[in-house]
Amino acid sequence: MRRRRFATPTWLALWTGLAALVAGVVIWATAPSASFGWFAYAPLAGAVFDPVTHSWQQVVGLLTAVVGAVVAAFAAGRLSARTRGGR
């Protein structure tokens, strides 16, 4: 008998997690890089300016990839612990 890969919620979670992982990597990789430039320099200033250089696509892509990896890893672990005879 042939098994269907979407027959159980664990298989569905595995494929959904892998899809989210791939989508997150694609979103993160295609995000535009930050464009800023220094137009003035104050060498004796006491304050340090550290601009945030991440666009929202980079943050969302990274979070989506991490959540997808966690879901896929959980589902793969659950599938690996399953017995051969039962569901």
PDB file of N, CA and C in Angstrom:
ATOM      1  N   MET A   1       0.841  -1.174   0.000  1.00  0.00           N
ATOM      2  CA  MET A   1       0.000   0.000   0.000  1.00  0.00           C
ATOM      3  C   MET A   1       0.887   1.239   0.000  1.00  0.00           C
ATOM      4  N   ARG A   2       0.559   2.161  -0.837  1.00  0.00           N
ATOM      5  CA  ARG A   2       1.356   3.383  -0.966  1.00  0.00           C
ATOM      6  C   ARG A   2       0.923   4.419   0.071  1.00  0.00           C
ATOM      7  N   ARG A   3       1.907   4.997   0.730  1.00  0.00           N
ATOM      8  CA  ARG A   3       1.619   6.007   1.740  1.00  0.00           C
ATOM      9  C   ARG A   3       1.545   7.388   1.114  1.00  0.00           C
ATOM     10  N   ARG A   4       0.586   8.154   1.532  1.00  0.00           N
ATOM     11  CA  ARG A   4       0.506   9.537   1.087  1.00  0.00           C
ATOM     12  C   ARG A   4       1.293  10.401   2.060  1.00  0.00           C
ATOM     13  N   ARG A   5       1.998  11.382   1.531  1.00  0.00           N
ATOM     14  CA  ARG A   5       2.876  12.196   2.370  1.00  0.00           C
ATOM     15  C   ARG A   5       2.140  13.298   3.128  1.00  0.00           C
ATOM     16  N   PHE A   6       0.907  13.587   2.789  1.00  0.00           N
ATOM     17  CA  PHE A   6       0.141  14.589   3.522  1.00  0.00           C
ATOM     18  C   PHE A   6      -0.954  13.936   4.360  1.00  0.00           C
ATOM     19  N   ALA A   7      -0.809  12.628   4.631  1.00  0.00           N
ATOM     20  CA  ALA A   7      -1.869  11.893   5.318  1.00  0.00           C
ATOM     21  C   ALA A   7      -1.952  12.236   6.802  1.00  0.00           C
ATOM     22  N   THR A   8      -0.864  12.640   7.419  1.00  0.00           N
ATOM     23  CA  THR A   8      -0.880  12.924   8.851  1.00  0.00           C
ATOM     24  C   THR A   8      -0.450  14.372   9.096  1.00  0.00           C
ATOM     25  N   PRO A   9      -0.823  14.914  10.228  1.00  0.00           N
ATOM     26  CA  PRO A   9      -0.405  16.281  10.547  1.00  0.00           C
ATOM     27  C   PRO A   9       1.117  16.432  10.676  1.00  0.00           C
ATOM     28  N   THR A  10       1.810  15.358  11.030  1.00  0.00           N
ATOM     29  CA  THR A  10       3.260  15.451  11.152  1.00  0.00           C
ATOM     30  C   THR A  10       3.912  15.638   9.788  1.00  0.00           C
ATOM     31  N   TRP A  11       3.450  14.908   8.788  1.00  0.00           N
ATOM     32  CA  TRP A  11       3.984  15.097   7.437  1.00  0.00           C
ATOM     33  C   TRP A  11       3.634  16.486   6.919  1.00  0.00           C
ATOM     34  N   LEU A  12       2.432  16.950   7.212  1.00  0.00           N
ATOM     35  CA  LEU A  12       2.029  18.295   6.804  1.00  0.00           C
ATOM     36  C   LEU A  12       2.913  19.349   7.469  1.00  0.00           C
ATOM     37  N   ALA A  13       3.226  19.159   8.739  1.00  0.00           N
ATOM     38  CA  ALA A  13       4.109  20.096   9.442  1.00  0.00           C
ATOM     39  C   ALA A  13       5.514  20.070   8.847  1.00  0.00           C
ATOM     40  N   LEU A  14       5.986  18.896   8.459  1.00  0.00           N
ATOM     41  CA  LEU A  14       7.312  18.796   7.862  1.00  0.00           C
ATOM     42  C   LEU A  14       7.380  19.564   6.556  1.00  0.00           C
ATOM     43  N   TRP A  15       6.428  19.348   5.671  1.00  0.00           N
ATOM     44  CA  TRP A  15       6.447  20.023   4.377  1.00  0.00           C
ATOM     45  C   TRP A  15       6.183  21.521   4.521  1.00  0.00           C
ATOM     46  N   THR A  16       5.330  21.909   5.465  1.00  0.00           N
ATOM     47  CA  THR A  16       5.080  23.328   5.706  1.00  0.00           C
ATOM     48  C   THR A  16       6.326  24.010   6.269  1.00  0.00           C
ATOM     49  N   GLY A  17       7.012  23.336   7.190  1.00  0.00           N
ATOM     50  CA  GLY A  17       8.240  23.887   7.742  1.00  0.00           C
ATOM     51  C   GLY A  17       9.326  24.042   6.696  1.00  0.00           C
ATOM     52  N   LEU A  18       9.462  23.054   5.818  1.00  0.00           N
ATOM     53  CA  LEU A  18      10.458  23.161   4.751  1.00  0.00           C
ATOM     54  C   LEU A  18      10.117  24.277   3.777  1.00  0.00           C
ATOM     55  N   ALA A  19       8.826  24.436   3.474  1.00  0.00           N
ATOM     56  CA  ALA A  19       8.405  25.520   2.578  1.00  0.00           C
ATOM     57  C   ALA A  19       8.667  26.882   3.224  1.00  0.00           C
ATOM     58  N   ALA A  20       8.397  27.004   4.521  1.00  0.00           N
ATOM     59  CA  ALA A  20       8.660  28.264   5.216  1.00  0.00           C
ATOM     60  C   ALA A  20      10.161  28.545   5.278  1.00  0.00           C
ATOM     61  N   LEU A  21      10.964  27.514   5.450  1.00  0.00           N
ATOM     62  CA  LEU A  21      12.413  27.682   5.470  1.00  0.00           C
ATOM     63  C   LEU A  21      12.919  28.208   4.134  1.00  0.00           C
ATOM     64  N   VAL A  22      12.461  27.615   3.057  1.00  0.00           N
ATOM     65  CA  VAL A  22      12.883  28.056   1.726  1.00  0.00           C
ATOM     66  C   VAL A  22      12.381  29.481   1.445  1.00  0.00           C
ATOM     67  N   ALA A  23      11.137  29.760   1.800  1.00  0.00           N
ATOM     68  CA  ALA A  23      10.586  31.100   1.574  1.00  0.00           C
ATOM     69  C   ALA A  23      11.345  32.147   2.384  1.00  0.00           C
ATOM     70  N   GLY A  24      11.694  31.830   3.613  1.00  0.00           N
ATOM     71  CA  GLY A  24      12.445  32.769   4.436  1.00  0.00           C
ATOM     72  C   GLY A  24      13.823  33.055   3.875  1.00  0.00           C
ATOM     73  N   VAL A  25      14.492  32.019   3.383  1.00  0.00           N
ATOM     74  CA  VAL A  25      15.819  32.224   2.790  1.00  0.00           C
ATOM     75  C   VAL A  25      15.714  33.062   1.522  1.00  0.00           C
ATOM     76  N   VAL A  26      14.692  32.814   0.717  1.00  0.00           N
ATOM     77  CA  VAL A  26      14.513  33.600  -0.513  1.00  0.00           C
ATOM     78  C   VAL A  26      14.208  35.058  -0.180  1.00  0.00           C
ATOM     79  N   ILE A  27      13.343  35.302   0.788  1.00  0.00           N
ATOM     80  CA  ILE A  27      13.018  36.679   1.181  1.00  0.00           C
ATOM     81  C   ILE A  27      14.260  37.372   1.725  1.00  0.00           C
ATOM     82  N   TRP A  28      15.015  36.680   2.566  1.00  0.00           N
ATOM     83  CA  TRP A  28      16.213  37.273   3.154  1.00  0.00           C
ATOM     84  C   TRP A  28      17.285  37.554   2.100  1.00  0.00           C
ATOM     85  N   ALA A  29      17.439  36.626   1.158  1.00  0.00           N
ATOM     86  CA  ALA A  29      18.494  36.784   0.148  1.00  0.00           C
ATOM     87  C   ALA A  29      18.165  37.877  -0.870  1.00  0.00           C
ATOM     88  N   THR A  30      16.906  38.103  -1.135  1.00  0.00           N
ATOM     89  CA  THR A  30      16.527  39.102  -2.132  1.00  0.00           C
ATOM     90  C   THR A  30      16.203  40.461  -1.523  1.00  0.00           C
ATOM     91  N   ALA A  31      16.363  40.607  -0.219  1.00  0.00           N
ATOM     92  CA  ALA A  31      16.072  41.885   0.427  1.00  0.00           C
ATOM     93  C   ALA A  31      17.101  42.922   0.009  1.00  0.00           C
ATOM     94  N   PRO A  32      16.647  44.136  -0.156  1.00  0.00           N
ATOM     95  CA  PRO A  32      17.615  45.182  -0.535  1.00  0.00           C
ATOM     96  C   PRO A  32      18.550  45.494   0.629  1.00  0.00           C
ATOM     97  N   SER A  33      19.780  45.778   0.292  1.00  0.00           N
ATOM     98  CA  SER A  33      20.735  46.128   1.338  1.00  0.00           C
ATOM     99  C   SER A  33      20.533  47.578   1.751  1.00  0.00           C
ATOM    100  N   ALA A  34      20.954  47.882   2.942  1.00  0.00           N
ATOM    101  CA  ALA A  34      20.790  49.232   3.449  1.00  0.00           C
ATOM    102  C   ALA A  34      21.701  50.180   2.683  1.00  0.00           C
ATOM    103  N   SER A  35      21.157  51.314   2.338  1.00  0.00           N
ATOM    104  CA  SER A  35      21.969  52.305   1.636  1.00  0.00           C
ATOM    105  C   SER A  35      22.049  53.561   2.499  1.00  0.00           C
ATOM    106  N   PHE A  36      23.190  53.771   3.044  1.00  0.00           N
ATOM    107  CA  PHE A  36      23.426  54.986   3.801  1.00  0.00           C
ATOM    108  C   PHE A  36      24.885  55.369   3.593  1.00  0.00           C
ATOM    109  N   GLY A  37      25.191  56.589   3.855  1.00  0.00           N
ATOM    110  CA  GLY A  37      26.562  57.031   3.674  1.00  0.00           C
ATOM    111  C   GLY A  37      26.915  58.078   4.705  1.00  0.00           C
ATOM    112  N   TRP A  38      28.162  58.126   5.005  1.00  0.00           N
ATOM    113  CA  TRP A  38      28.632  59.139   5.948  1.00  0.00           C
ATOM    114  C   TRP A  38      28.956  60.402   5.147  1.00  0.00           C
ATOM    115  N   PHE A  39      28.341  61.493   5.517  1.00  0.00           N
ATOM    116  CA  PHE A  39      28.597  62.741   4.824  1.00  0.00           C
ATOM    117  C   PHE A  39      29.386  63.710   5.703  1.00  0.00           C
ATOM    118  N   ALA A  40      29.530  63.390   6.949  1.00  0.00           N
ATOM    119  CA  ALA A  40      30.291  64.250   7.845  1.00  0.00           C
ATOM    120  C   ALA A  40      31.002  63.362   8.855  1.00  0.00           C
ATOM    121  N   TYR A  41      32.106  63.843   9.354  1.00  0.00           N
ATOM    122  CA  TYR A  41      32.877  63.076  10.314  1.00  0.00           C
ATOM    123  C   TYR A  41      33.322  64.017  11.426  1.00  0.00           C
ATOM    124  N   ALA A  42      32.984  63.667  12.621  1.00  0.00           N
ATOM    125  CA  ALA A  42      33.394  64.454  13.770  1.00  0.00           C
ATOM    126  C   ALA A  42      34.330  63.586  14.612  1.00  0.00           C
ATOM    127  N   PRO A  43      35.633  63.696  14.430  1.00  0.00           N
ATOM    128  CA  PRO A  43      36.555  62.788  15.087  1.00  0.00           C
ATOM    129  C   PRO A  43      36.621  62.927  16.596  1.00  0.00           C
ATOM    130  N   LEU A  44      36.238  64.060  17.146  1.00  0.00           N
ATOM    131  CA  LEU A  44      36.352  64.247  18.583  1.00  0.00           C
ATOM    132  C   LEU A  44      35.009  64.139  19.296  1.00  0.00           C
ATOM    133  N   ALA A  45      33.996  63.693  18.616  1.00  0.00           N
ATOM    134  CA  ALA A  45      32.681  63.584  19.236  1.00  0.00           C
ATOM    135  C   ALA A  45      32.678  62.427  20.231  1.00  0.00           C
ATOM    136  N   GLY A  46      31.992  62.611  21.326  1.00  0.00           N
ATOM    137  CA  GLY A  46      31.939  61.570  22.351  1.00  0.00           C
ATOM    138  C   GLY A  46      30.846  60.539  22.076  1.00  0.00           C
ATOM    139  N   ALA A  47      29.846  60.897  21.313  1.00  0.00           N
ATOM    140  CA  ALA A  47      28.737  59.991  21.050  1.00  0.00           C
ATOM    141  C   ALA A  47      29.061  59.112  19.848  1.00  0.00           C
ATOM    142  N   VAL A  48      28.604  57.880  19.927  1.00  0.00           N
ATOM    143  CA  VAL A  48      28.802  56.939  18.822  1.00  0.00           C
ATOM    144  C   VAL A  48      27.458  56.722  18.154  1.00  0.00           C
ATOM    145  N   PHE A  49      27.421  56.901  16.858  1.00  0.00           N
ATOM    146  CA  PHE A  49      26.199  56.693  16.095  1.00  0.00           C
ATOM    147  C   PHE A  49      26.287  55.349  15.401  1.00  0.00           C
ATOM    148  N   ASP A  50      25.380  54.461  15.719  1.00  0.00           N
ATOM    149  CA  ASP A  50      25.355  53.131  15.126  1.00  0.00           C
ATOM    150  C   ASP A  50      23.989  52.932  14.464  1.00  0.00           C
ATOM    151  N   PRO A  51      23.877  53.161  13.174  1.00  0.00           N
ATOM    152  CA  PRO A  51      22.573  53.062  12.522  1.00  0.00           C
ATOM    153  C   PRO A  51      22.123  51.609  12.374  1.00  0.00           C
ATOM    154  N   VAL A  52      20.841  51.410  12.416  1.00  0.00           N
ATOM    155  CA  VAL A  52      20.274  50.085  12.158  1.00  0.00           C
ATOM    156  C   VAL A  52      20.297  49.875  10.652  1.00  0.00           C
ATOM    157  N   THR A  53      20.950  48.820  10.212  1.00  0.00           N
ATOM    158  CA  THR A  53      21.147  48.631   8.779  1.00  0.00           C
ATOM    159  C   THR A  53      20.348  47.458   8.221  1.00  0.00           C
ATOM    160  N   HIS A  54      19.357  46.995   8.947  1.00  0.00           N
ATOM    161  CA  HIS A  54      18.561  45.863   8.472  1.00  0.00           C
ATOM    162  C   HIS A  54      17.212  46.361   7.964  1.00  0.00           C
ATOM    163  N   SER A  55      16.851  45.937   6.773  1.00  0.00           N
ATOM    164  CA  SER A  55      15.530  46.280   6.260  1.00  0.00           C
ATOM    165  C   SER A  55      14.511  45.300   6.860  1.00  0.00           C
ATOM    166  N   TRP A  56      13.253  45.632   6.723  1.00  0.00           N
ATOM    167  CA  TRP A  56      12.231  44.768   7.300  1.00  0.00           C
ATOM    168  C   TRP A  56      12.187  43.421   6.588  1.00  0.00           C
ATOM    169  N   GLN A  57      12.570  43.371   5.305  1.00  0.00           N
ATOM    170  CA  GLN A  57      12.593  42.105   4.587  1.00  0.00           C
ATOM    171  C   GLN A  57      13.651  41.168   5.157  1.00  0.00           C
ATOM    172  N   GLN A  58      14.780  41.709   5.576  1.00  0.00           N
ATOM    173  CA  GLN A  58      15.809  40.872   6.162  1.00  0.00           C
ATOM    174  C   GLN A  58      15.350  40.290   7.491  1.00  0.00           C
ATOM    175  N   VAL A  59      14.677  41.079   8.291  1.00  0.00           N
ATOM    176  CA  VAL A  59      14.197  40.604   9.592  1.00  0.00           C
ATOM    177  C   VAL A  59      13.098  39.559   9.409  1.00  0.00           C
ATOM    178  N   VAL A  60      12.126  39.846   8.551  1.00  0.00           N
ATOM    179  CA  VAL A  60      11.018  38.912   8.326  1.00  0.00           C
ATOM    180  C   VAL A  60      11.523  37.618   7.681  1.00  0.00           C
ATOM    181  N   GLY A  61      12.437  37.736   6.734  1.00  0.00           N
ATOM    182  CA  GLY A  61      12.985  36.544   6.092  1.00  0.00           C
ATOM    183  C   GLY A  61      13.731  35.663   7.069  1.00  0.00           C
ATOM    184  N   LEU A  62      14.532  36.277   7.927  1.00  0.00           N
ATOM    185  CA  LEU A  62      15.279  35.505   8.915  1.00  0.00           C
ATOM    186  C   LEU A  62      14.344  34.843   9.923  1.00  0.00           C
ATOM    187  N   LEU A  63      13.346  35.560  10.399  1.00  0.00           N
ATOM    188  CA  LEU A  63      12.389  34.969  11.341  1.00  0.00           C
ATOM    189  C   LEU A  63      11.592  33.833  10.700  1.00  0.00           C
ATOM    190  N   THR A  64      11.187  34.010   9.454  1.00  0.00           N
ATOM    191  CA  THR A  64      10.448  32.954   8.755  1.00  0.00           C
ATOM    192  C   THR A  64      11.318  31.713   8.572  1.00  0.00           C
ATOM    193  N   ALA A  65      12.577  31.903   8.224  1.00  0.00           N
ATOM    194  CA  ALA A  65      13.490  30.774   8.048  1.00  0.00           C
ATOM    195  C   ALA A  65      13.718  30.044   9.367  1.00  0.00           C
ATOM    196  N   VAL A  66      13.861  30.777  10.456  1.00  0.00           N
ATOM    197  CA  VAL A  66      14.092  30.146  11.761  1.00  0.00           C
ATOM    198  C   VAL A  66      12.860  29.367  12.206  1.00  0.00           C
ATOM    199  N   VAL A  67      11.677  29.963  12.073  1.00  0.00           N
ATOM    200  CA  VAL A  67      10.453  29.261  12.458  1.00  0.00           C
ATOM    201  C   VAL A  67      10.250  28.026  11.584  1.00  0.00           C
ATOM    202  N   GLY A  68      10.500  28.130  10.292  1.00  0.00           N
ATOM    203  CA  GLY A  68      10.378  26.978   9.401  1.00  0.00           C
ATOM    204  C   GLY A  68      11.355  25.875   9.758  1.00  0.00           C
ATOM    205  N   ALA A  69      12.582  26.238  10.121  1.00  0.00           N
ATOM    206  CA  ALA A  69      13.576  25.233  10.511  1.00  0.00           C
ATOM    207  C   ALA A  69      13.172  24.533  11.798  1.00  0.00           C
ATOM    208  N   VAL A  70      12.634  25.276  12.750  1.00  0.00           N
ATOM    209  CA  VAL A  70      12.206  24.668  14.016  1.00  0.00           C
ATOM    210  C   VAL A  70      11.040  23.713  13.783  1.00  0.00           C
ATOM    211  N   VAL A  71      10.061  24.128  13.001  1.00  0.00           N
ATOM    212  CA  VAL A  71       8.902  23.267  12.718  1.00  0.00           C
ATOM    213  C   VAL A  71       9.338  22.013  11.958  1.00  0.00           C
ATOM    214  N   ALA A  72      10.195  22.173  10.955  1.00  0.00           N
ATOM    215  CA  ALA A  72      10.662  21.015  10.181  1.00  0.00           C
ATOM    216  C   ALA A  72      11.494  20.075  11.042  1.00  0.00           C
ATOM    217  N   ALA A  73      12.329  20.619  11.916  1.00  0.00           N
ATOM    218  CA  ALA A  73      13.134  19.771  12.792  1.00  0.00           C
ATOM    219  C   ALA A  73      12.258  19.010  13.786  1.00  0.00           C
ATOM    220  N   PHE A  74      11.243  19.669  14.329  1.00  0.00           N
ATOM    221  CA  PHE A  74      10.318  18.991  15.237  1.00  0.00           C
ATOM    222  C   PHE A  74       9.586  17.860  14.528  1.00  0.00           C
ATOM    223  N   ALA A  75       9.095  18.132  13.327  1.00  0.00           N
ATOM    224  CA  ALA A  75       8.365  17.110  12.585  1.00  0.00           C
ATOM    225  C   ALA A  75       9.284  15.960  12.179  1.00  0.00           C
ATOM    226  N   ALA A  76      10.512  16.270  11.762  1.00  0.00           N
ATOM    227  CA  ALA A  76      11.451  15.209  11.390  1.00  0.00           C
ATOM    228  C   ALA A  76      11.812  14.356  12.600  1.00  0.00           C
ATOM    229  N   GLY A  77      11.977  14.970  13.752  1.00  0.00           N
ATOM    230  CA  GLY A  77      12.249  14.202  14.960  1.00  0.00           C
ATOM    231  C   GLY A  77      11.077  13.328  15.354  1.00  0.00           C
ATOM    232  N   ARG A  78       9.882  13.864  15.199  1.00  0.00           N
ATOM    233  CA  ARG A  78       8.689  13.072  15.527  1.00  0.00           C
ATOM    234  C   ARG A  78       8.543  11.891  14.564  1.00  0.00           C
ATOM    235  N   LEU A  79       8.839  12.115  13.297  1.00  0.00           N
ATOM    236  CA  LEU A  79       8.747  11.035  12.307  1.00  0.00           C
ATOM    237  C   LEU A  79       9.836   9.982  12.517  1.00  0.00           C
ATOM    238  N   SER A  80      11.007  10.405  12.989  1.00  0.00           N
ATOM    239  CA  SER A  80      12.091   9.438  13.179  1.00  0.00           C
ATOM    240  C   SER A  80      11.851   8.564  14.399  1.00  0.00           C
ATOM    241  N   ALA A  81      11.058   9.029  15.356  1.00  0.00           N
ATOM    242  CA  ALA A  81      10.774   8.252  16.553  1.00  0.00           C
ATOM    243  C   ALA A  81       9.561   7.345  16.382  1.00  0.00           C
ATOM    244  N   ARG A  82       8.889   7.440  15.271  1.00  0.00           N
ATOM    245  CA  ARG A  82       7.686   6.653  15.021  1.00  0.00           C
ATOM    246  C   ARG A  82       8.037   5.191  14.769  1.00  0.00           C
ATOM    247  N   THR A  83       7.215   4.299  15.256  1.00  0.00           N
ATOM    248  CA  THR A  83       7.429   2.875  14.984  1.00  0.00           C
ATOM    249  C   THR A  83       6.972   2.533  13.583  1.00  0.00           C
ATOM    250  N   ARG A  84       7.494   1.479  13.042  1.00  0.00           N
ATOM    251  CA  ARG A  84       7.170   1.100  11.657  1.00  0.00           C
ATOM    252  C   ARG A  84       5.734   0.592  11.510  1.00  0.00           C
ATOM    253  N   GLY A  85       5.228  -0.109  12.502  1.00  0.00           N
ATOM    254  CA  GLY A  85       3.905  -0.715  12.369  1.00  0.00           C
ATOM    255  C   GLY A  85       2.754   0.234  12.611  1.00  0.00           C
ATOM    256  N   GLY A  86       2.935   1.202  13.490  1.00  0.00           N
ATOM    257  CA  GLY A  86       1.818   2.072  13.862  1.00  0.00           C
ATOM    258  C   GLY A  86       1.866   3.411  13.195  1.00  0.00           C
ATOM    259  N   ARG A  87       0.855   4.195  13.502  1.00  0.00           N
ATOM    260  CA  ARG A  87       0.806   5.547  12.957  1.00  0.00           C
ATOM    261  C   ARG A  87       1.443   6.489  13.874  1.00  0.00           C
TER     262      ARG A  87
END
